[in-house]
Amino acid sequence: MNDSDPTSSIPTNHSRNESECIDATEHDWELCEFLTLLEDDILSNPEKLVALDSTLQARLDSLVGDIEVDINSPLSADDE
């Protein structure tokens, strides 16, 4: 692995494509489409990747404050 090349750790021998999404449910299809978009963007712009370090974590914590999120609770009608 070449530490000076940010793309060196990104596997490029496999990418998601439509054939992998053929048997997917609608929800899975949407997720697959999003992941494909994300993968394409990462592969096209690896220099834009930013590591989540303690400074960025502190900045994110300052933005959301003490908001508690229960990822298992259903969304309210206003949130959907």
PDB file of N, CA and C in Angstrom:
ATOM      1  N   MET A   1       0.840  -1.188   0.000  1.00  0.00           N
ATOM      2  CA  MET A   1       0.000   0.000   0.000  1.00  0.00           C
ATOM      3  C   MET A   1       0.873   1.235   0.000  1.00  0.00           C
ATOM      4  N   ASN A   2       0.522   2.201  -0.813  1.00  0.00           N
ATOM      5  CA  ASN A   2       1.267   3.438  -0.942  1.00  0.00           C
ATOM      6  C   ASN A   2       0.562   4.511  -0.120  1.00  0.00           C
ATOM      7  N   ASP A   3       1.175   4.952   0.983  1.00  0.00           N
ATOM      8  CA  ASP A   3       0.534   5.912   1.882  1.00  0.00           C
ATOM      9  C   ASP A   3       0.378   7.294   1.261  1.00  0.00           C
ATOM     10  N   SER A   4       1.148   7.608   0.233  1.00  0.00           N
ATOM     11  CA  SER A   4       1.033   8.927  -0.372  1.00  0.00           C
ATOM     12  C   SER A   4      -0.107   8.988  -1.390  1.00  0.00           C
ATOM     13  N   ASP A   5      -0.637   7.851  -1.781  1.00  0.00           N
ATOM     14  CA  ASP A   5      -1.726   7.791  -2.746  1.00  0.00           C
ATOM     15  C   ASP A   5      -3.008   7.400  -2.029  1.00  0.00           C
ATOM     16  N   PRO A   6      -3.974   8.342  -1.870  1.00  0.00           N
ATOM     17  CA  PRO A   6      -5.199   8.028  -1.128  1.00  0.00           C
ATOM     18  C   PRO A   6      -6.039   6.959  -1.801  1.00  0.00           C
ATOM     19  N   THR A   7      -5.854   6.719  -3.078  1.00  0.00           N
ATOM     20  CA  THR A   7      -6.652   5.711  -3.764  1.00  0.00           C
ATOM     21  C   THR A   7      -6.061   4.318  -3.627  1.00  0.00           C
ATOM     22  N   SER A   8      -4.864   4.211  -3.076  1.00  0.00           N
ATOM     23  CA  SER A   8      -4.213   2.907  -3.024  1.00  0.00           C
ATOM     24  C   SER A   8      -4.944   1.922  -2.121  1.00  0.00           C
ATOM     25  N   SER A   9      -5.686   2.406  -1.154  1.00  0.00           N
ATOM     26  CA  SER A   9      -6.397   1.499  -0.257  1.00  0.00           C
ATOM     27  C   SER A   9      -7.843   1.259  -0.691  1.00  0.00           C
ATOM     28  N   ILE A  10      -8.257   1.865  -1.809  1.00  0.00           N
ATOM     29  CA  ILE A  10      -9.619   1.695  -2.292  1.00  0.00           C
ATOM     30  C   ILE A  10      -9.645   0.553  -3.295  1.00  0.00           C
ATOM     31  N   PRO A  11     -10.379  -0.519  -2.976  1.00  0.00           N
ATOM     32  CA  PRO A  11     -10.434  -1.625  -3.932  1.00  0.00           C
ATOM     33  C   PRO A  11     -11.167  -1.197  -5.193  1.00  0.00           C
ATOM     34  N   THR A  12     -10.581  -1.459  -6.331  1.00  0.00           N
ATOM     35  CA  THR A  12     -11.203  -1.055  -7.588  1.00  0.00           C
ATOM     36  C   THR A  12     -11.572  -2.247  -8.450  1.00  0.00           C
ATOM     37  N   ASN A  13     -11.290  -3.463  -7.975  1.00  0.00           N
ATOM     38  CA  ASN A  13     -11.584  -4.630  -8.789  1.00  0.00           C
ATOM     39  C   ASN A  13     -13.051  -5.035  -8.721  1.00  0.00           C
ATOM     40  N   HIS A  14     -13.819  -4.391  -7.862  1.00  0.00           N
ATOM     41  CA  HIS A  14     -15.233  -4.722  -7.740  1.00  0.00           C
ATOM     42  C   HIS A  14     -16.014  -3.438  -7.534  1.00  0.00           C
ATOM     43  N   SER A  15     -17.063  -3.283  -8.269  1.00  0.00           N
ATOM     44  CA  SER A  15     -17.940  -2.151  -8.037  1.00  0.00           C
ATOM     45  C   SER A  15     -19.379  -2.624  -8.161  1.00  0.00           C
ATOM     46  N   ARG A  16     -20.271  -1.907  -7.483  1.00  0.00           N
ATOM     47  CA  ARG A  16     -21.670  -2.259  -7.557  1.00  0.00           C
ATOM     48  C   ARG A  16     -22.181  -1.884  -8.935  1.00  0.00           C
ATOM     49  N   ASN A  17     -23.098  -2.637  -9.429  1.00  0.00           N
ATOM     50  CA  ASN A  17     -23.709  -2.299 -10.702  1.00  0.00           C
ATOM     51  C   ASN A  17     -25.147  -2.779 -10.708  1.00  0.00           C
ATOM     52  N   GLU A  18     -25.842  -2.485 -11.782  1.00  0.00           N
ATOM     53  CA  GLU A  18     -27.267  -2.804 -11.842  1.00  0.00           C
ATOM     54  C   GLU A  18     -27.530  -4.295 -11.688  1.00  0.00           C
ATOM     55  N   SER A  19     -26.651  -5.138 -12.190  1.00  0.00           N
ATOM     56  CA  SER A  19     -26.897  -6.573 -12.102  1.00  0.00           C
ATOM     57  C   SER A  19     -26.945  -7.047 -10.657  1.00  0.00           C
ATOM     58  N   GLU A  20     -26.264  -6.365  -9.765  1.00  0.00           N
ATOM     59  CA  GLU A  20     -26.302  -6.737  -8.355  1.00  0.00           C
ATOM     60  C   GLU A  20     -27.601  -6.311  -7.698  1.00  0.00           C
ATOM     61  N   CYS A  21     -28.334  -5.408  -8.312  1.00  0.00           N
ATOM     62  CA  CYS A  21     -29.555  -4.878  -7.720  1.00  0.00           C
ATOM     63  C   CYS A  21     -30.816  -5.480  -8.333  1.00  0.00           C
ATOM     64  N   ILE A  22     -30.676  -6.378  -9.272  1.00  0.00           N
ATOM     65  CA  ILE A  22     -31.824  -6.926  -9.988  1.00  0.00           C
ATOM     66  C   ILE A  22     -32.864  -7.534  -9.052  1.00  0.00           C
ATOM     67  N   ASP A  23     -32.450  -8.362  -8.107  1.00  0.00           N
ATOM     68  CA  ASP A  23     -33.389  -9.058  -7.231  1.00  0.00           C
ATOM     69  C   ASP A  23     -33.684  -8.294  -5.941  1.00  0.00           C
ATOM     70  N   ALA A  24     -33.263  -7.075  -5.856  1.00  0.00           N
ATOM     71  CA  ALA A  24     -33.426  -6.300  -4.631  1.00  0.00           C
ATOM     72  C   ALA A  24     -34.850  -5.772  -4.503  1.00  0.00           C
ATOM     73  N   THR A  25     -35.282  -5.606  -3.261  1.00  0.00           N
ATOM     74  CA  THR A  25     -36.562  -4.948  -3.013  1.00  0.00           C
ATOM     75  C   THR A  25     -36.390  -3.474  -3.350  1.00  0.00           C
ATOM     76  N   GLU A  26     -37.492  -2.728  -3.349  1.00  0.00           N
ATOM     77  CA  GLU A  26     -37.404  -1.302  -3.676  1.00  0.00           C
ATOM     78  C   GLU A  26     -36.476  -0.571  -2.718  1.00  0.00           C
ATOM     79  N   HIS A  27     -36.579  -0.894  -1.415  1.00  0.00           N
ATOM     80  CA  HIS A  27     -35.714  -0.250  -0.426  1.00  0.00           C
ATOM     81  C   HIS A  27     -34.253  -0.604  -0.687  1.00  0.00           C
ATOM     82  N   ASP A  28     -33.998  -1.882  -0.954  1.00  0.00           N
ATOM     83  CA  ASP A  28     -32.632  -2.309  -1.246  1.00  0.00           C
ATOM     84  C   ASP A  28     -32.121  -1.660  -2.521  1.00  0.00           C
ATOM     85  N   TRP A  29     -32.991  -1.503  -3.498  1.00  0.00           N
ATOM     86  CA  TRP A  29     -32.608  -0.884  -4.760  1.00  0.00           C
ATOM     87  C   TRP A  29     -32.160   0.560  -4.514  1.00  0.00           C
ATOM     88  N   GLU A  30     -32.923   1.283  -3.713  1.00  0.00           N
ATOM     89  CA  GLU A  30     -32.563   2.669  -3.413  1.00  0.00           C
ATOM     90  C   GLU A  30     -31.236   2.735  -2.682  1.00  0.00           C
ATOM     91  N   LEU A  31     -31.024   1.831  -1.743  1.00  0.00           N
ATOM     92  CA  LEU A  31     -29.760   1.790  -1.020  1.00  0.00           C
ATOM     93  C   LEU A  31     -28.614   1.451  -1.972  1.00  0.00           C
ATOM     94  N   CYS A  32     -28.839   0.495  -2.846  1.00  0.00           N
ATOM     95  CA  CYS A  32     -27.818   0.109  -3.813  1.00  0.00           C
ATOM     96  C   CYS A  32     -27.473   1.287  -4.728  1.00  0.00           C
ATOM     97  N   GLU A  33     -28.475   2.006  -5.177  1.00  0.00           N
ATOM     98  CA  GLU A  33     -28.242   3.177  -6.019  1.00  0.00           C
ATOM     99  C   GLU A  33     -27.419   4.231  -5.273  1.00  0.00           C
ATOM    100  N   PHE A  34     -27.756   4.471  -4.006  1.00  0.00           N
ATOM    101  CA  PHE A  34     -27.014   5.444  -3.207  1.00  0.00           C
ATOM    102  C   PHE A  34     -25.567   5.001  -3.022  1.00  0.00           C
ATOM    103  N   LEU A  35     -25.375   3.717  -2.689  1.00  0.00           N
ATOM    104  CA  LEU A  35     -24.015   3.210  -2.489  1.00  0.00           C
ATOM    105  C   LEU A  35     -23.206   3.276  -3.776  1.00  0.00           C
ATOM    106  N   THR A  36     -23.843   3.039  -4.902  1.00  0.00           N
ATOM    107  CA  THR A  36     -23.161   3.150  -6.191  1.00  0.00           C
ATOM    108  C   THR A  36     -22.737   4.597  -6.437  1.00  0.00           C
ATOM    109  N   LEU A  37     -23.632   5.536  -6.157  1.00  0.00           N
ATOM    110  CA  LEU A  37     -23.303   6.957  -6.291  1.00  0.00           C
ATOM    111  C   LEU A  37     -22.139   7.329  -5.382  1.00  0.00           C
ATOM    112  N   LEU A  38     -22.189   6.874  -4.142  1.00  0.00           N
ATOM    113  CA  LEU A  38     -21.127   7.149  -3.183  1.00  0.00           C
ATOM    114  C   LEU A  38     -19.808   6.539  -3.646  1.00  0.00           C
ATOM    115  N   GLU A  39     -19.852   5.296  -4.090  1.00  0.00           N
ATOM    116  CA  GLU A  39     -18.647   4.625  -4.573  1.00  0.00           C
ATOM    117  C   GLU A  39     -18.039   5.364  -5.763  1.00  0.00           C
ATOM    118  N   ASP A  40     -18.880   5.746  -6.717  1.00  0.00           N
ATOM    119  CA  ASP A  40     -18.393   6.473  -7.894  1.00  0.00           C
ATOM    120  C   ASP A  40     -17.730   7.787  -7.496  1.00  0.00           C
ATOM    121  N   ASP A  41     -18.346   8.496  -6.538  1.00  0.00           N
ATOM    122  CA  ASP A  41     -17.788   9.764  -6.097  1.00  0.00           C
ATOM    123  C   ASP A  41     -16.450   9.559  -5.390  1.00  0.00           C
ATOM    124  N   ILE A  42     -16.350   8.549  -4.546  1.00  0.00           N
ATOM    125  CA  ILE A  42     -15.092   8.275  -3.840  1.00  0.00           C
ATOM    126  C   ILE A  42     -13.999   7.900  -4.824  1.00  0.00           C
ATOM    127  N   LEU A  43     -14.332   7.063  -5.784  1.00  0.00           N
ATOM    128  CA  LEU A  43     -13.332   6.646  -6.769  1.00  0.00           C
ATOM    129  C   LEU A  43     -12.923   7.794  -7.681  1.00  0.00           C
ATOM    130  N   SER A  44     -13.851   8.707  -7.975  1.00  0.00           N
ATOM    131  CA  SER A  44     -13.552   9.846  -8.844  1.00  0.00           C
ATOM    132  C   SER A  44     -12.851  10.987  -8.116  1.00  0.00           C
ATOM    133  N   ASN A  45     -13.092  11.095  -6.805  1.00  0.00           N
ATOM    134  CA  ASN A  45     -12.563  12.229  -6.036  1.00  0.00           C
ATOM    135  C   ASN A  45     -11.968  11.782  -4.712  1.00  0.00           C
ATOM    136  N   PRO A  46     -10.999  10.892  -4.716  1.00  0.00           N
ATOM    137  CA  PRO A  46     -10.463  10.377  -3.449  1.00  0.00           C
ATOM    138  C   PRO A  46      -9.799  11.460  -2.593  1.00  0.00           C
ATOM    139  N   GLU A  47      -9.377  12.524  -3.217  1.00  0.00           N
ATOM    140  CA  GLU A  47      -8.733  13.604  -2.467  1.00  0.00           C
ATOM    141  C   GLU A  47      -9.711  14.353  -1.562  1.00  0.00           C
ATOM    142  N   LYS A  48     -11.011  14.159  -1.767  1.00  0.00           N
ATOM    143  CA  LYS A  48     -12.018  14.828  -0.941  1.00  0.00           C
ATOM    144  C   LYS A  48     -12.381  14.052   0.318  1.00  0.00           C
ATOM    145  N   LEU A  49     -11.864  12.832   0.453  1.00  0.00           N
ATOM    146  CA  LEU A  49     -12.131  12.051   1.665  1.00  0.00           C
ATOM    147  C   LEU A  49     -11.468  12.716   2.859  1.00  0.00           C
ATOM    148  N   VAL A  50     -12.173  12.773   3.962  1.00  0.00           N
ATOM    149  CA  VAL A  50     -11.657  13.381   5.180  1.00  0.00           C
ATOM    150  C   VAL A  50     -11.801  12.377   6.316  1.00  0.00           C
ATOM    151  N   ALA A  51     -10.715  12.141   6.998  1.00  0.00           N
ATOM    152  CA  ALA A  51     -10.748  11.225   8.138  1.00  0.00           C
ATOM    153  C   ALA A  51     -11.511  11.863   9.292  1.00  0.00           C
ATOM    154  N   LEU A  52     -12.214  11.049  10.045  1.00  0.00           N
ATOM    155  CA  LEU A  52     -12.936  11.536  11.215  1.00  0.00           C
ATOM    156  C   LEU A  52     -11.965  11.519  12.387  1.00  0.00           C
ATOM    157  N   ASP A  53     -11.299  12.659  12.599  1.00  0.00           N
ATOM    158  CA  ASP A  53     -10.350  12.756  13.705  1.00  0.00           C
ATOM    159  C   ASP A  53     -11.027  13.430  14.897  1.00  0.00           C
ATOM    160  N   SER A  54     -10.312  13.582  15.985  1.00  0.00           N
ATOM    161  CA  SER A  54     -10.906  14.125  17.209  1.00  0.00           C
ATOM    162  C   SER A  54     -11.377  15.574  17.034  1.00  0.00           C
ATOM    163  N   THR A  55     -10.706  16.340  16.193  1.00  0.00           N
ATOM    164  CA  THR A  55     -11.112  17.728  15.954  1.00  0.00           C
ATOM    165  C   THR A  55     -12.451  17.781  15.228  1.00  0.00           C
ATOM    166  N   LEU A  56     -12.587  16.963  14.175  1.00  0.00           N
ATOM    167  CA  LEU A  56     -13.849  16.922  13.448  1.00  0.00           C
ATOM    168  C   LEU A  56     -14.960  16.364  14.331  1.00  0.00           C
ATOM    169  N   GLN A  57     -14.660  15.353  15.122  1.00  0.00           N
ATOM    170  CA  GLN A  57     -15.649  14.785  16.040  1.00  0.00           C
ATOM    171  C   GLN A  57     -16.133  15.845  17.036  1.00  0.00           C
ATOM    172  N   ALA A  58     -15.223  16.640  17.565  1.00  0.00           N
ATOM    173  CA  ALA A  58     -15.590  17.708  18.502  1.00  0.00           C
ATOM    174  C   ALA A  58     -16.462  18.755  17.807  1.00  0.00           C
ATOM    175  N   ARG A  59     -16.150  19.066  16.557  1.00  0.00           N
ATOM    176  CA  ARG A  59     -16.931  20.046  15.800  1.00  0.00           C
ATOM    177  C   ARG A  59     -18.354  19.514  15.573  1.00  0.00           C
ATOM    178  N   LEU A  60     -18.463  18.254  15.193  1.00  0.00           N
ATOM    179  CA  LEU A  60     -19.784  17.654  14.991  1.00  0.00           C
ATOM    180  C   LEU A  60     -20.574  17.629  16.290  1.00  0.00           C
ATOM    181  N   ASP A  61     -19.910  17.274  17.390  1.00  0.00           N
ATOM    182  CA  ASP A  61     -20.578  17.264  18.698  1.00  0.00           C
ATOM    183  C   ASP A  61     -21.076  18.657  19.070  1.00  0.00           C
ATOM    184  N   SER A  62     -20.306  19.699  18.735  1.00  0.00           N
ATOM    185  CA  SER A  62     -20.722  21.067  19.064  1.00  0.00           C
ATOM    186  C   SER A  62     -21.938  21.489  18.243  1.00  0.00           C
ATOM    187  N   LEU A  63     -22.070  20.936  17.046  1.00  0.00           N
ATOM    188  CA  LEU A  63     -23.198  21.298  16.187  1.00  0.00           C
ATOM    189  C   LEU A  63     -24.494  20.627  16.624  1.00  0.00           C
ATOM    190  N   VAL A  64     -24.429  19.396  17.079  1.00  0.00           N
ATOM    191  CA  VAL A  64     -25.648  18.683  17.456  1.00  0.00           C
ATOM    192  C   VAL A  64     -25.923  18.743  18.947  1.00  0.00           C
ATOM    193  N   GLY A  65     -24.944  19.154  19.729  1.00  0.00           N
ATOM    194  CA  GLY A  65     -25.136  19.301  21.159  1.00  0.00           C
ATOM    195  C   GLY A  65     -25.506  18.006  21.841  1.00  0.00           C
ATOM    196  N   ASP A  66     -26.461  18.093  22.745  1.00  0.00           N
ATOM    197  CA  ASP A  66     -26.868  16.925  23.531  1.00  0.00           C
ATOM    198  C   ASP A  66     -28.134  16.271  22.975  1.00  0.00           C
ATOM    199  N   ILE A  67     -28.346  16.379  21.683  1.00  0.00           N
ATOM    200  CA  ILE A  67     -29.524  15.774  21.071  1.00  0.00           C
ATOM    201  C   ILE A  67     -29.381  14.257  21.124  1.00  0.00           C
ATOM    202  N   GLU A  68     -30.388  13.609  21.685  1.00  0.00           N
ATOM    203  CA  GLU A  68     -30.383  12.156  21.749  1.00  0.00           C
ATOM    204  C   GLU A  68     -31.206  11.609  20.589  1.00  0.00           C
ATOM    205  N   VAL A  69     -30.682  10.590  19.963  1.00  0.00           N
ATOM    206  CA  VAL A  69     -31.365   9.978  18.830  1.00  0.00           C
ATOM    207  C   VAL A  69     -31.529   8.494  19.105  1.00  0.00           C
ATOM    208  N   ASP A  70     -32.765   8.028  18.979  1.00  0.00           N
ATOM    209  CA  ASP A  70     -33.038   6.602  19.100  1.00  0.00           C
ATOM    210  C   ASP A  70     -33.303   6.093  17.689  1.00  0.00           C
ATOM    211  N   ILE A  71     -32.314   5.435  17.099  1.00  0.00           N
ATOM    212  CA  ILE A  71     -32.447   5.001  15.708  1.00  0.00           C
ATOM    213  C   ILE A  71     -33.475   3.895  15.540  1.00  0.00           C
ATOM    214  N   ASN A  72     -33.953   3.340  16.633  1.00  0.00           N
ATOM    215  CA  ASN A  72     -34.950   2.277  16.562  1.00  0.00           C
ATOM    216  C   ASN A  72     -36.383   2.785  16.683  1.00  0.00           C
ATOM    217  N   SER A  73     -36.553   4.043  17.062  1.00  0.00           N
ATOM    218  CA  SER A  73     -37.910   4.571  17.194  1.00  0.00           C
ATOM    219  C   SER A  73     -38.410   5.039  15.827  1.00  0.00           C
ATOM    220  N   PRO A  74     -39.719   4.874  15.576  1.00  0.00           N
ATOM    221  CA  PRO A  74     -40.265   5.298  14.278  1.00  0.00           C
ATOM    222  C   PRO A  74     -40.239   6.821  14.162  1.00  0.00           C
ATOM    223  N   LEU A  75     -40.149   7.292  12.921  1.00  0.00           N
ATOM    224  CA  LEU A  75     -40.200   8.722  12.669  1.00  0.00           C
ATOM    225  C   LEU A  75     -41.616   9.231  12.857  1.00  0.00           C
ATOM    226  N   SER A  76     -41.730  10.479  13.272  1.00  0.00           N
ATOM    227  CA  SER A  76     -43.056  11.089  13.334  1.00  0.00           C
ATOM    228  C   SER A  76     -43.448  11.498  11.931  1.00  0.00           C
ATOM    229  N   ALA A  77     -44.712  11.807  11.724  1.00  0.00           N
ATOM    230  CA  ALA A  77     -45.194  12.220  10.414  1.00  0.00           C
ATOM    231  C   ALA A  77     -44.450  13.469   9.915  1.00  0.00           C
ATOM    232  N   ASP A  78     -44.055  14.339  10.849  1.00  0.00           N
ATOM    233  CA  ASP A  78     -43.323  15.552  10.477  1.00  0.00           C
ATOM    234  C   ASP A  78     -41.912  15.253   9.993  1.00  0.00           C
ATOM    235  N   ASP A  79     -41.343  14.128  10.419  1.00  0.00           N
ATOM    236  CA  ASP A  79     -39.977  13.779  10.055  1.00  0.00           C
ATOM    237  C   ASP A  79     -39.875  13.044   8.721  1.00  0.00           C
ATOM    238  N   GLU A  80     -40.974  12.508   8.253  1.00  0.00           N
ATOM    239  CA  GLU A  80     -40.922  11.695   7.031  1.00  0.00           C
ATOM    240  C   GLU A  80     -41.059  12.519   5.786  1.00  0.00           C
TER     241      GLU A  80
END
